[in-house]
Amino acid sequence: MRKLKIDLARCDGGRDCGHVCEEACACKVFKLDDRELAALKILGGAGGENTAVLCDQCGDCLVVCPADALKRNKLGVVVIDKKRCVACYACIGFCDKGAFQRNPDWMEPYKCTACGICVKACPHLALEIVDVPGPAPRIV
């Protein structure tokens, strides 16, 4: 399974880079003018510690979509089938990581697809795409 990984020890919280990785995600991947709408968020804490909001591809969201629009692709990445999405936003409310985003101009939500464009843009080499074992099957 492919996912985006961030090394927060290497990340300076945008103090040097101005979040060029977020800008690359928003502009190059989702064709948005505002880096605040990126699927990757890097937040600087009051004490200087950084946190990141991104999809870890856990797949917990797969069970909440009433339209069955959330699927894993061949790389194990959770993707949204725009043709099936009914814009109920159950995935947004369900994800405790805040990984799903909403653009008011679009019907369907969006999230990180581990494309790697942010990895290339990060000046501190804090981001990487890694292959990890897929999650264990869910027992319902």
Protein backbone atom coordinates (compact mmCIF):
# COMPACT_ATOMS: atom_id res chain seq x y z
CA MET A 1 0.00 0.00 0.00
CA ARG A 2 1.30 3.43 -0.91
CA LYS A 3 1.01 6.42 1.43
CA LEU A 4 2.46 9.82 2.15
CA LYS A 5 4.75 10.02 5.17
CA ILE A 6 6.00 13.17 6.87
CA ASP A 7 9.02 13.49 9.13
CA LEU A 8 7.97 16.35 11.38
CA ALA A 9 11.48 16.56 12.83
CA ARG A 10 12.72 17.70 9.41
CA CYS A 11 9.79 20.03 8.77
CA ASP A 12 10.18 23.60 9.95
CA GLY A 13 6.45 24.27 9.80
CA GLY A 14 6.73 26.55 6.80
CA ARG A 15 8.98 29.09 8.41
CA ASP A 16 11.52 28.68 5.60
CA CYS A 17 9.53 27.22 2.74
CA GLY A 18 6.18 28.94 3.14
CA HIS A 19 4.52 25.58 2.64
CA VAL A 20 5.52 25.10 -0.99
CA CYS A 21 4.45 21.47 -0.60
CA GLU A 22 0.89 22.58 0.22
CA GLU A 23 0.96 25.02 -2.68
CA ALA A 24 2.12 22.29 -5.05
CA CYS A 25 -0.68 20.02 -3.84
CA ALA A 26 -3.37 22.69 -4.24
CA CYS A 27 -2.16 24.23 -7.51
CA LYS A 28 -0.66 21.36 -9.45
CA VAL A 29 -2.85 18.48 -8.30
CA PHE A 30 -6.24 20.05 -7.62
CA LYS A 31 -5.83 23.18 -9.82
CA LEU A 32 -6.81 25.51 -6.98
CA ASP A 33 -5.43 29.00 -6.36
CA ASP A 34 -5.39 28.72 -2.59
CA ARG A 35 -2.89 26.54 -0.73
CA GLU A 36 -5.34 26.49 2.20
CA LEU A 37 -7.37 24.09 0.06
CA ALA A 38 -4.49 21.59 -0.23
CA ALA A 39 -5.14 17.99 0.77
CA LEU A 40 -1.99 18.26 2.92
CA LYS A 41 -1.93 20.65 5.85
CA ILE A 42 1.13 21.49 7.94
CA LEU A 43 0.35 23.30 11.15
CA GLY A 44 2.79 24.97 13.48
CA GLY A 45 1.98 24.69 17.17
CA ALA A 46 2.33 27.44 19.76
CA GLY A 47 5.31 25.66 21.30
CA GLY A 48 7.09 25.33 17.97
CA GLU A 49 6.03 21.73 17.36
CA ASN A 50 4.54 20.91 13.99
CA THR A 51 1.61 18.68 13.14
CA ALA A 52 0.33 17.47 9.81
CA VAL A 53 -3.16 16.77 8.55
CA LEU A 54 -3.05 14.16 5.81
CA CYS A 55 -4.63 10.90 4.80
CA ASP A 56 -2.78 7.86 6.10
CA GLN A 57 -4.82 5.56 3.82
CA CYS A 58 -6.22 3.62 6.81
CA GLY A 59 -9.41 2.90 4.86
CA ASP A 60 -11.75 3.30 7.82
CA CYS A 61 -13.81 5.68 5.68
CA LEU A 62 -14.63 2.95 3.16
CA VAL A 63 -17.50 1.69 5.31
CA VAL A 64 -19.31 5.03 5.75
CA CYS A 65 -19.91 6.01 2.14
CA PRO A 66 -23.56 5.24 1.31
CA ALA A 67 -22.87 5.52 -2.43
CA ASP A 68 -19.88 3.16 -2.36
CA ALA A 69 -17.81 5.95 -3.94
CA LEU A 70 -14.69 5.29 -1.82
CA LYS A 71 -12.45 2.50 -3.09
CA ARG A 72 -8.83 1.46 -2.94
CA ASN A 73 -6.94 1.69 -6.21
CA LYS A 74 -4.33 -0.86 -7.31
CA LEU A 75 -1.71 0.91 -5.15
CA GLY A 76 -3.90 0.63 -2.05
CA VAL A 77 -4.70 4.35 -2.01
CA VAL A 78 -8.25 5.34 -1.03
CA VAL A 79 -9.76 7.29 -3.91
CA ILE A 80 -13.13 8.91 -4.56
CA ASP A 81 -15.15 7.84 -7.58
CA LYS A 82 -16.60 11.20 -8.65
CA LYS A 83 -19.30 9.52 -10.72
CA ARG A 84 -20.64 7.66 -7.69
CA CYS A 85 -20.24 10.40 -5.08
CA VAL A 86 -23.56 11.93 -3.96
CA ALA A 87 -21.94 14.74 -1.92
CA CYS A 88 -23.32 13.57 1.42
CA TYR A 89 -19.95 14.39 3.05
CA ALA A 90 -20.20 11.45 5.45
CA CYS A 91 -16.50 10.87 4.81
CA ILE A 92 -15.64 14.40 5.93
CA GLY A 93 -17.55 14.02 9.16
CA PHE A 94 -16.26 10.51 9.79
CA CYS A 95 -12.52 10.99 9.30
CA ASP A 96 -10.99 11.80 12.66
CA LYS A 97 -7.78 12.91 10.93
CA GLY A 98 -9.51 15.66 8.93
CA ALA A 99 -8.09 14.22 5.72
CA PHE A 100 -11.11 14.94 3.50
CA GLN A 101 -11.43 18.47 2.17
CA ARG A 102 -14.29 20.34 0.58
CA ASN A 103 -14.14 23.00 -2.09
CA PRO A 104 -17.44 24.94 -2.21
CA ASP A 105 -17.22 25.00 -6.01
CA TRP A 106 -17.13 21.20 -6.28
CA MET A 107 -19.76 18.64 -5.49
CA GLU A 108 -17.47 15.88 -4.25
CA PRO A 109 -14.88 16.09 -1.48
CA TYR A 110 -11.22 15.40 -2.13
CA LYS A 111 -8.24 13.99 -0.24
CA CYS A 112 -4.61 13.05 -0.59
CA THR A 113 -4.00 10.43 -3.24
CA ALA A 114 -0.30 9.94 -2.43
CA CYS A 115 0.65 11.34 -5.82
CA GLY A 116 4.00 12.63 -4.57
CA ILE A 117 3.94 16.16 -6.00
CA CYS A 118 4.39 17.57 -2.48
CA VAL A 119 7.41 15.31 -1.96
CA LYS A 120 9.19 16.94 -4.89
CA ALA A 121 8.28 20.42 -3.64
CA CYS A 122 9.40 20.02 -0.01
CA PRO A 123 12.74 21.82 0.42
CA HIS A 124 13.52 19.98 3.67
CA LEU A 125 12.96 16.45 2.35
CA ALA A 126 10.40 15.95 5.12
CA LEU A 127 7.90 14.18 2.87
CA GLU A 128 8.15 10.84 1.12
CA ILE A 129 5.94 8.26 -0.50
CA VAL A 130 6.36 4.89 1.19
CA ASP A 131 5.06 1.42 0.55
CA VAL A 132 3.65 -0.23 3.65
CA PRO A 133 1.71 -3.43 4.22
CA GLY A 134 -1.99 -3.00 3.56
CA PRO A 135 -4.37 -2.80 6.51
CA ALA A 136 -5.80 -5.95 7.98
CA PRO A 137 -9.24 -6.82 6.64
CA ARG A 138 -12.00 -5.26 8.71
CA ILE A 139 -14.27 -7.60 10.60
CA VAL A 140 -17.76 -6.19 10.71
